[in-house]
């Protein structure tokens, strides 16, 4: 029996050491595929460690921890950037912040008495911007990790974006027989990830790492469209939902919170897409009438009613559009009027004359209502108090 036990232990030790080598080899490559290999190897290693005793266990565990730390500190730590972390925000929320600056820059250029506006070009592809940012930030001799997007990392991401995005404008005056036409021409010249190899004078290691990251663009796209709820105010709101809240209402609030901080405001912006809409963040012309931004160009997103429609559409798996093709006014008609005392998470609130709509998310520590809405003033999906909302309705969707 003792001989059999020692034989089994020896076999387990050999298995553990072999898996350690596999883990080390995978981590040394520091690629997205290596990250997956590391995860699998670590899981297998832990299983092998169960059979072991003695100091070998501690050494192996420390080695694994060191390998994982090296991975997170590398440019490939970007693949973990959407994990909850103190003082950090998810990648698409950081991008939304920078898109606000892009919208402001374009708005400044487009302000004026122009008969028409012509825009040529698009900003750089965000997946390439992110790849360059990761390599520049974490791949240099004095690099810092990109596994948590703290304010400092967002500032570095912002700098890379503007290094890759050049915007110029000029005015053309066309004289006609009876009139004069003034045309504003805006040209956006993006740099590619390959262009930035020279601009930033990347080292051999950085160039190799950038090449590997660019081979994982699908994975980077997954980061950009991640709908995990990690924003601190959204997480807190969900944690404080009433325990007896119906599943239907809870689903509405949870779905609304998936876009907090991630999607910019766009007048007339709608989306009947399940999950992340790939158009969000793409430069588009505002076609809907009735707003100061009409006719201008800005990153695509949602307006207030578009956000509410997207929420109910996704909750119902594409079977229900609360506005039935209309805006906030139409959404209000598919609600039953209730008193403020009857308000529950998932109800809708409106500005006077239905000029704005939001979703009741819950209450703060003082019992005041919290509203999830896509606000033009914030140029994003936000959680705020009740300011400005003057009426409340209960969607017929709940069947209550």
Protein backbone atom coordinates (compact mmCIF):
# COMPACT_ATOMS: atom_id res chain seq x y z
CA UNK A 1 0.00 0.00 0.00
CA UNK A 2 2.80 2.43 0.97
CA UNK A 3 4.70 1.58 -2.20
CA UNK A 4 1.63 2.26 -4.30
CA UNK A 5 1.08 5.57 -2.52
CA UNK A 6 4.68 6.69 -3.17
CA UNK A 7 4.40 5.63 -6.80
CA UNK A 8 1.21 7.64 -7.23
CA UNK A 9 2.80 10.64 -5.53
CA UNK A 10 5.87 10.45 -7.78
CA UNK A 11 3.65 10.28 -10.85
CA UNK A 12 1.70 13.29 -9.64
CA UNK A 13 4.92 15.24 -9.07
CA UNK A 14 6.11 14.47 -12.59
CA UNK A 15 2.73 15.51 -13.95
CA UNK A 16 2.86 18.75 -11.98
CA UNK A 17 6.38 19.58 -13.15
CA UNK A 18 5.46 18.87 -16.77
CA UNK A 19 2.42 21.14 -16.50
CA UNK A 20 4.61 23.83 -14.91
CA UNK A 21 6.89 23.72 -17.95
CA UNK A 22 3.90 23.95 -20.26
CA UNK A 23 2.60 26.93 -18.31
CA UNK A 24 5.95 28.70 -18.39
CA UNK A 25 6.34 28.11 -22.11
CA UNK A 26 2.88 29.47 -22.81
CA UNK A 27 3.36 32.55 -20.64
CA UNK A 28 6.71 33.31 -22.24
CA UNK A 29 4.96 33.96 -25.55
CA UNK A 30 2.72 36.58 -23.90
CA UNK A 31 -0.03 36.40 -26.47
CA UNK A 32 -3.77 36.10 -26.30
CA UNK A 33 -3.50 32.44 -27.19
CA UNK A 34 -0.89 32.08 -24.48
CA UNK A 35 -3.31 33.62 -22.00
CA UNK A 36 -5.81 30.89 -22.78
CA UNK A 37 -3.08 28.26 -22.54
CA UNK A 38 -1.94 29.66 -19.21
CA UNK A 39 -5.45 29.46 -17.83
CA UNK A 40 -5.86 25.84 -18.89
CA UNK A 41 -2.40 24.87 -17.69
CA UNK A 42 -2.94 26.52 -14.32
CA UNK A 43 -6.23 24.68 -13.87
CA UNK A 44 -4.52 21.38 -14.66
CA UNK A 45 -1.64 22.29 -12.37
CA UNK A 46 -3.95 22.98 -9.45
CA UNK A 47 -5.52 19.57 -9.97
CA UNK A 48 -2.10 17.93 -9.87
CA UNK A 49 -1.12 19.83 -6.72
CA UNK A 50 -3.94 18.20 -4.81
CA UNK A 51 -1.97 14.95 -4.84
CA UNK A 52 1.26 16.50 -3.57
CA UNK A 53 2.87 17.24 -0.25
CA UNK A 54 6.06 19.07 0.70
CA UNK A 55 7.87 22.21 -0.42
CA UNK A 56 7.42 21.52 -4.13
CA UNK A 57 3.84 22.72 -3.83
CA UNK A 58 4.85 26.14 -2.55
CA UNK A 59 7.54 26.59 -5.20
CA UNK A 60 5.15 25.61 -7.98
CA UNK A 61 2.40 27.87 -6.65
CA UNK A 62 4.77 30.83 -6.48
CA UNK A 63 5.95 30.10 -10.02
CA UNK A 64 2.38 30.09 -11.30
CA UNK A 65 1.62 33.35 -9.50
CA UNK A 66 4.71 34.93 -11.05
CA UNK A 67 3.67 33.78 -14.52
CA UNK A 68 0.17 35.19 -14.15
CA UNK A 69 1.57 38.46 -12.80
CA UNK A 70 3.88 38.68 -15.83
CA UNK A 71 0.93 38.13 -18.16
CA UNK A 72 -1.16 40.84 -16.51
CA UNK A 73 1.76 43.27 -16.60
CA UNK A 74 2.31 42.68 -20.33
CA UNK A 75 0.43 44.40 -23.18
CA UNK A 76 -1.87 41.37 -23.19
CA UNK A 77 -3.19 42.47 -19.84
CA UNK A 78 -5.59 44.56 -21.95
CA UNK A 79 -7.72 41.42 -22.33
CA UNK A 80 -8.44 41.60 -18.60
CA UNK A 81 -9.22 45.33 -18.57
CA UNK A 82 -12.98 44.84 -18.32
CA UNK A 83 -12.69 42.93 -15.06
CA UNK A 84 -13.95 44.93 -12.04
CA UNK A 85 -11.12 46.88 -10.43
CA UNK A 86 -10.97 49.75 -7.97
CA UNK A 87 -10.93 53.21 -9.57
CA UNK A 88 -11.04 51.61 -13.04
CA UNK A 89 -13.68 51.65 -15.77
CA UNK A 90 -14.35 49.18 -18.61
CA UNK A 91 -12.71 49.80 -21.95
CA UNK A 92 -15.87 50.82 -23.82
CA UNK A 93 -16.68 53.35 -21.09
CA UNK A 94 -13.25 54.89 -21.52
CA UNK A 95 -13.78 55.02 -25.28
CA UNK A 96 -17.16 56.71 -24.76
CA UNK A 97 -15.41 59.43 -22.73
CA UNK A 98 -12.95 60.07 -25.55
CA UNK A 99 -15.78 60.04 -28.10
CA UNK A 100 -17.35 62.90 -26.14
CA UNK A 101 -14.19 64.90 -26.82
CA UNK A 102 -14.32 63.91 -30.49
CA UNK A 103 -17.94 65.09 -30.67
CA UNK A 104 -17.02 68.38 -28.97
CA UNK A 105 -14.14 68.94 -31.39
CA UNK A 106 -16.37 68.29 -34.39
CA UNK A 107 -19.15 70.45 -32.97
CA UNK A 108 -16.73 73.36 -32.56
CA UNK A 109 -15.60 73.01 -36.17
CA UNK A 110 -19.18 72.73 -37.46
CA UNK A 111 -20.43 75.78 -35.58
CA UNK A 112 -21.07 78.52 -38.09
CA UNK A 113 -23.31 79.64 -40.91
CA UNK A 114 -22.60 76.96 -43.50
CA UNK A 115 -24.90 75.92 -46.33
CA UNK A 116 -23.52 72.40 -46.22
CA UNK A 117 -20.95 70.33 -44.40
CA UNK A 118 -18.78 67.71 -46.04
CA UNK A 119 -16.77 65.26 -43.97
CA UNK A 120 -14.22 62.93 -45.49
CA UNK A 121 -12.63 60.07 -43.59
CA UNK A 122 -13.29 58.32 -40.30
CA UNK A 123 -11.41 58.28 -37.00
CA UNK A 124 -8.96 55.39 -36.50
CA UNK A 125 -10.43 51.97 -35.75
CA UNK A 126 -10.71 51.68 -31.99
CA UNK A 127 -9.44 48.11 -31.93
CA UNK A 128 -6.20 49.33 -33.53
CA UNK A 129 -6.01 52.28 -31.14
CA UNK A 130 -6.37 49.89 -28.21
CA UNK A 131 -3.68 47.57 -29.56
CA UNK A 132 -1.22 50.45 -29.99
CA UNK A 133 -2.10 51.82 -26.55
CA UNK A 134 -1.47 48.46 -24.89
CA UNK A 135 1.91 48.01 -26.56
CA UNK A 136 3.07 51.58 -25.96
CA UNK A 137 1.91 51.65 -22.34
CA UNK A 138 2.89 48.18 -21.13
CA UNK A 139 5.53 47.13 -23.65
CA UNK A 140 8.20 49.75 -23.05
CA UNK A 141 11.17 49.59 -20.68
CA UNK A 142 9.31 51.85 -18.24
CA UNK A 143 5.90 50.40 -19.04
CA UNK A 144 2.92 50.16 -16.71
CA UNK A 145 0.16 47.57 -16.87
CA UNK A 146 -3.07 48.01 -18.83
CA UNK A 147 -5.08 45.36 -16.98
CA UNK A 148 -6.99 48.07 -15.06
CA UNK A 149 -8.08 51.24 -16.85
CA UNK A 150 -7.57 53.81 -14.12
CA UNK A 151 -7.77 57.56 -14.86
CA UNK A 152 -4.05 57.55 -15.69
CA UNK A 153 -4.49 54.74 -18.22
CA UNK A 154 -7.51 56.45 -19.79
CA UNK A 155 -5.41 59.60 -20.19
CA UNK A 156 -2.75 57.53 -21.96
CA UNK A 157 -5.41 55.95 -24.19
CA UNK A 158 -6.71 59.43 -25.00
CA UNK A 159 -3.22 60.57 -26.01
CA UNK A 160 -2.78 57.60 -28.35
CA UNK A 161 -6.17 58.23 -29.96
CA UNK A 162 -5.37 61.85 -30.76
CA UNK A 163 -1.90 60.89 -32.00
CA UNK A 164 -3.70 58.60 -34.46
CA UNK A 165 -6.45 61.06 -35.44
CA UNK A 166 -5.78 64.27 -37.36
CA UNK A 167 -8.70 66.61 -38.10
CA UNK A 168 -8.46 69.58 -40.44
CA UNK A 169 -11.10 71.96 -41.78
CA UNK A 170 -11.38 74.51 -44.55
CA UNK A 171 -14.18 76.63 -45.96
CA UNK A 172 -15.07 76.76 -49.65
CA UNK A 173 -17.15 79.55 -51.16
CA UNK A 174 -18.93 78.73 -54.41
CA UNK A 175 -20.22 81.73 -56.33
CA UNK A 176 -23.40 81.17 -58.32
CA UNK A 177 -25.39 83.43 -60.61
CA UNK A 178 -27.94 84.29 -57.95
CA UNK A 179 -26.40 83.04 -54.72
CA UNK A 180 -23.25 82.12 -52.87
CA UNK A 181 -22.83 78.73 -51.22
CA UNK A 182 -20.53 78.24 -48.25
CA UNK A 183 -19.29 74.70 -47.74
CA UNK A 184 -17.33 73.45 -44.74
CA UNK A 185 -14.93 70.65 -45.59
CA UNK A 186 -13.67 68.56 -42.69
CA UNK A 187 -11.02 65.93 -43.31
CA UNK A 188 -10.27 63.20 -40.79
CA UNK A 189 -6.98 61.45 -41.44
CA UNK A 190 -6.47 58.35 -39.32
CA UNK A 191 -3.19 56.60 -38.71
CA UNK A 192 -3.10 52.82 -38.68
CA UNK A 193 -1.49 50.62 -36.08
CA UNK A 194 1.33 49.94 -38.53
CA UNK A 195 1.89 53.68 -38.98
CA UNK A 196 2.39 54.01 -35.23
CA UNK A 197 5.27 51.54 -35.20
CA UNK A 198 7.39 54.32 -36.72
CA UNK A 199 5.71 57.24 -34.96
CA UNK A 200 6.42 55.72 -31.55
CA UNK A 201 9.72 54.09 -32.56
CA UNK A 202 8.63 50.73 -31.22
CA UNK A 203 11.30 48.26 -30.15
CA UNK A 204 11.62 44.80 -31.67
CA UNK A 205 9.67 43.37 -28.74
CA UNK A 206 6.93 45.99 -29.09
CA UNK A 207 6.63 45.38 -32.83
CA UNK A 208 6.36 41.64 -32.31
CA UNK A 209 3.78 42.13 -29.58
CA UNK A 210 1.74 44.54 -31.71
CA UNK A 211 1.70 42.01 -34.54
CA UNK A 212 0.38 39.36 -32.17
CA UNK A 213 -2.27 41.71 -30.79
CA UNK A 214 -3.42 42.63 -34.28
CA UNK A 215 -3.95 38.93 -34.94
CA UNK A 216 -6.49 39.00 -32.11
CA UNK A 217 -8.74 41.79 -33.41
CA UNK A 218 -11.84 39.66 -32.89
CA UNK A 219 -10.96 39.39 -29.21
CA UNK A 220 -10.39 43.14 -29.02
CA UNK A 221 -13.78 43.68 -30.64
CA UNK A 222 -15.24 41.54 -27.89
CA UNK A 223 -13.78 43.91 -25.31
CA UNK A 224 -15.27 46.92 -27.08
CA UNK A 225 -18.74 45.36 -27.05
CA UNK A 226 -18.62 43.94 -23.53
CA UNK A 227 -21.92 44.56 -21.71
CA UNK A 228 -20.78 43.38 -18.29
CA UNK A 229 -21.96 45.71 -15.52
CA UNK A 230 -18.86 47.07 -13.80
CA UNK A 231 -19.58 50.79 -13.35
CA UNK A 232 -19.61 51.46 -9.61
CA UNK A 233 -22.89 53.41 -9.55
CA UNK A 234 -24.65 50.75 -11.63
CA UNK A 235 -23.34 47.91 -9.45
CA UNK A 236 -24.48 49.71 -6.30
CA UNK A 237 -27.92 50.39 -7.77
CA UNK A 238 -28.43 46.71 -8.60
CA UNK A 239 -27.23 45.59 -5.19
CA UNK A 240 -29.89 47.75 -3.56
CA UNK A 241 -32.86 46.57 -5.61
CA UNK A 242 -35.78 45.31 -3.48
CA UNK A 243 -35.59 41.58 -2.83
CA UNK A 244 -39.24 41.14 -3.79
CA UNK A 245 -38.88 42.97 -7.13
CA UNK A 246 -40.44 40.97 -9.96
CA UNK A 247 -38.05 39.18 -12.36
CA UNK A 248 -39.40 41.23 -15.29
CA UNK A 249 -38.64 44.54 -13.61
CA UNK A 250 -35.25 43.37 -12.36
CA UNK A 251 -34.34 42.32 -15.90
CA UNK A 252 -35.26 45.77 -17.26
CA UNK A 253 -33.09 47.59 -14.72
CA UNK A 254 -30.17 45.19 -15.17
CA UNK A 255 -30.33 45.53 -18.95
CA UNK A 256 -30.48 49.32 -18.75
CA UNK A 257 -27.41 49.33 -16.50
CA UNK A 258 -25.41 47.43 -19.12
CA UNK A 259 -25.05 50.64 -21.14
CA UNK A 260 -24.22 53.02 -18.27
CA UNK A 261 -21.18 55.05 -19.26
CA UNK A 262 -20.73 53.20 -22.56
CA UNK A 263 -22.95 54.73 -25.26
CA UNK A 264 -22.95 58.37 -26.33
CA UNK A 265 -26.04 60.50 -26.94
CA UNK A 266 -27.13 60.88 -30.57
CA UNK A 267 -30.29 62.79 -31.51
CA UNK A 268 -32.56 60.32 -33.32
CA UNK A 269 -30.28 57.39 -32.44
CA UNK A 270 -32.15 54.08 -32.38
CA UNK A 271 -31.06 50.46 -32.19
CA UNK A 272 -33.09 47.29 -32.49
CA UNK A 273 -30.03 45.09 -32.07
CA UNK A 274 -29.67 42.35 -29.50
CA UNK A 275 -26.56 43.16 -27.50
CA UNK A 276 -23.91 45.64 -28.55
CA UNK A 277 -24.59 47.62 -31.73
CA UNK A 278 -21.43 47.83 -33.83
CA UNK A 279 -22.54 51.25 -35.14
CA UNK A 280 -22.11 52.85 -31.73
CA UNK A 281 -19.11 55.16 -31.78
CA UNK A 282 -18.99 55.32 -35.59
CA UNK A 283 -19.01 58.83 -37.03
CA UNK A 284 -22.48 59.50 -38.49
CA UNK A 285 -24.60 62.39 -39.70
CA UNK A 286 -27.53 63.47 -37.53
CA UNK A 287 -30.50 63.17 -39.88
CA UNK A 288 -33.39 63.66 -37.43
CA UNK A 289 -34.90 67.15 -37.41
CA UNK A 290 -35.53 69.33 -34.39
CA UNK A 291 -32.16 69.58 -32.66
CA UNK A 292 -29.16 71.88 -32.73
CA UNK A 293 -27.03 68.93 -33.86
CA UNK A 294 -29.23 68.17 -36.90
CA UNK A 295 -27.09 68.03 -40.03
CA UNK A 296 -23.83 67.71 -38.11
CA UNK A 297 -21.57 64.70 -37.67
CA UNK A 298 -20.82 62.98 -34.38
CA UNK A 299 -20.21 59.46 -32.97
CA UNK A 300 -23.37 57.38 -33.30
CA UNK A 301 -25.25 56.35 -30.17
CA UNK A 302 -28.76 56.52 -28.75
CA UNK A 303 -31.21 59.22 -27.80
CA UNK A 304 -33.36 58.92 -24.69
CA UNK A 305 -36.23 56.99 -26.26
CA UNK A 306 -33.81 54.90 -28.31
CA UNK A 307 -32.16 53.80 -25.07
CA UNK A 308 -35.51 52.79 -23.56
CA UNK A 309 -36.49 50.94 -26.75
CA UNK A 310 -33.15 49.08 -26.80
CA UNK A 311 -33.62 48.06 -23.18
CA UNK A 312 -37.08 46.56 -23.59
CA UNK A 313 -36.14 45.03 -26.96
CA UNK A 314 -33.22 43.21 -25.37
CA UNK A 315 -35.16 42.16 -22.27
CA UNK A 316 -37.83 40.60 -24.50
CA UNK A 317 -35.24 38.98 -26.78
CA UNK A 318 -36.37 41.13 -29.67
CA UNK A 319 -40.10 40.63 -29.27
CA UNK A 320 -41.18 43.98 -27.80
CA UNK A 321 -40.51 47.61 -28.71
CA UNK A 322 -42.14 49.80 -26.09
CA UNK A 323 -42.34 52.87 -28.33
CA UNK A 324 -43.72 50.89 -31.27
CA UNK A 325 -41.58 52.95 -33.62
CA UNK A 326 -42.22 56.33 -31.97
CA UNK A 327 -40.30 58.43 -29.47
CA UNK A 328 -40.80 59.32 -25.82
CA UNK A 329 -44.34 60.59 -26.42
CA UNK A 330 -45.35 57.27 -27.98
CA UNK A 331 -43.67 55.35 -25.15
CA UNK A 332 -45.74 57.35 -22.67
CA UNK A 333 -48.94 56.25 -24.40
CA UNK A 334 -48.01 52.63 -23.68
CA UNK A 335 -47.85 53.34 -19.97
CA UNK A 336 -50.49 53.67 -17.26
CA UNK A 337 -50.25 56.82 -15.16
CA UNK A 338 -49.33 56.17 -11.53
CA UNK A 339 -48.45 58.29 -8.51
CA UNK A 340 -44.88 58.90 -7.40
CA UNK A 341 -45.57 56.87 -4.26
CA UNK A 342 -46.28 53.84 -6.47
CA UNK A 343 -42.97 54.11 -8.34
CA UNK A 344 -41.02 50.89 -8.75
CA UNK A 345 -37.78 50.05 -10.55
CA UNK A 346 -38.57 49.56 -14.23
CA UNK A 347 -41.25 52.27 -14.46
CA UNK A 348 -40.72 55.17 -16.88
CA UNK A 349 -40.41 58.86 -16.05
CA UNK A 350 -40.85 61.81 -18.38
CA UNK A 351 -39.96 65.47 -18.77
CA UNK A 352 -42.77 67.97 -19.44
CA UNK A 353 -44.41 67.36 -22.82
CA UNK A 354 -42.49 64.06 -23.06
CA UNK A 355 -39.31 65.76 -24.24
CA UNK A 356 -37.18 63.23 -22.36
CA UNK A 357 -37.64 59.76 -20.89
CA UNK A 358 -35.79 57.59 -18.40
CA UNK A 359 -36.13 54.33 -16.49
CA UNK A 360 -36.60 54.21 -12.72
CA UNK A 361 -33.57 52.30 -11.47
CA UNK A 362 -34.19 52.30 -7.74
CA UNK A 363 -33.65 54.58 -4.76
CA UNK A 364 -30.65 56.09 -3.01
CA UNK A 365 -29.91 55.77 0.71
CA UNK A 366 -32.36 58.60 1.42
CA UNK A 367 -35.19 56.99 -0.50
CA UNK A 368 -34.95 59.33 -3.48
CA UNK A 369 -35.59 57.88 -6.92
CA UNK A 370 -32.63 57.13 -9.18
CA UNK A 371 -33.12 57.30 -12.94
CA UNK A 372 -31.19 55.51 -15.70
CA UNK A 373 -31.33 57.51 -18.92
CA UNK A 374 -29.40 58.56 -22.00
CA UNK A 375 -28.84 62.27 -21.41
CA UNK A 376 -27.75 64.80 -24.00
CA UNK A 377 -26.14 66.96 -21.32
CA UNK A 378 -23.88 64.12 -20.20
CA UNK A 379 -23.57 62.74 -23.75
CA UNK A 380 -23.91 59.27 -22.27
CA UNK A 381 -26.11 56.81 -20.41
CA UNK A 382 -26.09 57.94 -16.79
CA UNK A 383 -27.71 57.36 -13.40
CA UNK A 384 -29.03 60.56 -11.83
CA UNK A 385 -31.69 61.84 -9.50
CA UNK A 386 -35.20 62.88 -10.48
CA UNK A 387 -34.31 66.42 -11.56
CA UNK A 388 -36.38 67.52 -14.57
CA UNK A 389 -38.72 64.52 -14.62
CA UNK A 390 -42.29 65.54 -13.83
CA UNK A 391 -44.47 62.51 -14.61
CA UNK A 392 -44.31 58.76 -14.22
CA UNK A 393 -45.92 55.83 -16.00
CA UNK A 394 -46.10 52.06 -15.63
CA UNK A 395 -45.34 50.22 -18.90
CA UNK A 396 -48.14 47.96 -20.10
CA UNK A 397 -45.33 45.47 -20.79
CA UNK A 398 -45.50 44.26 -17.19
CA UNK A 399 -49.18 43.36 -17.45
CA UNK A 400 -49.83 44.67 -13.94
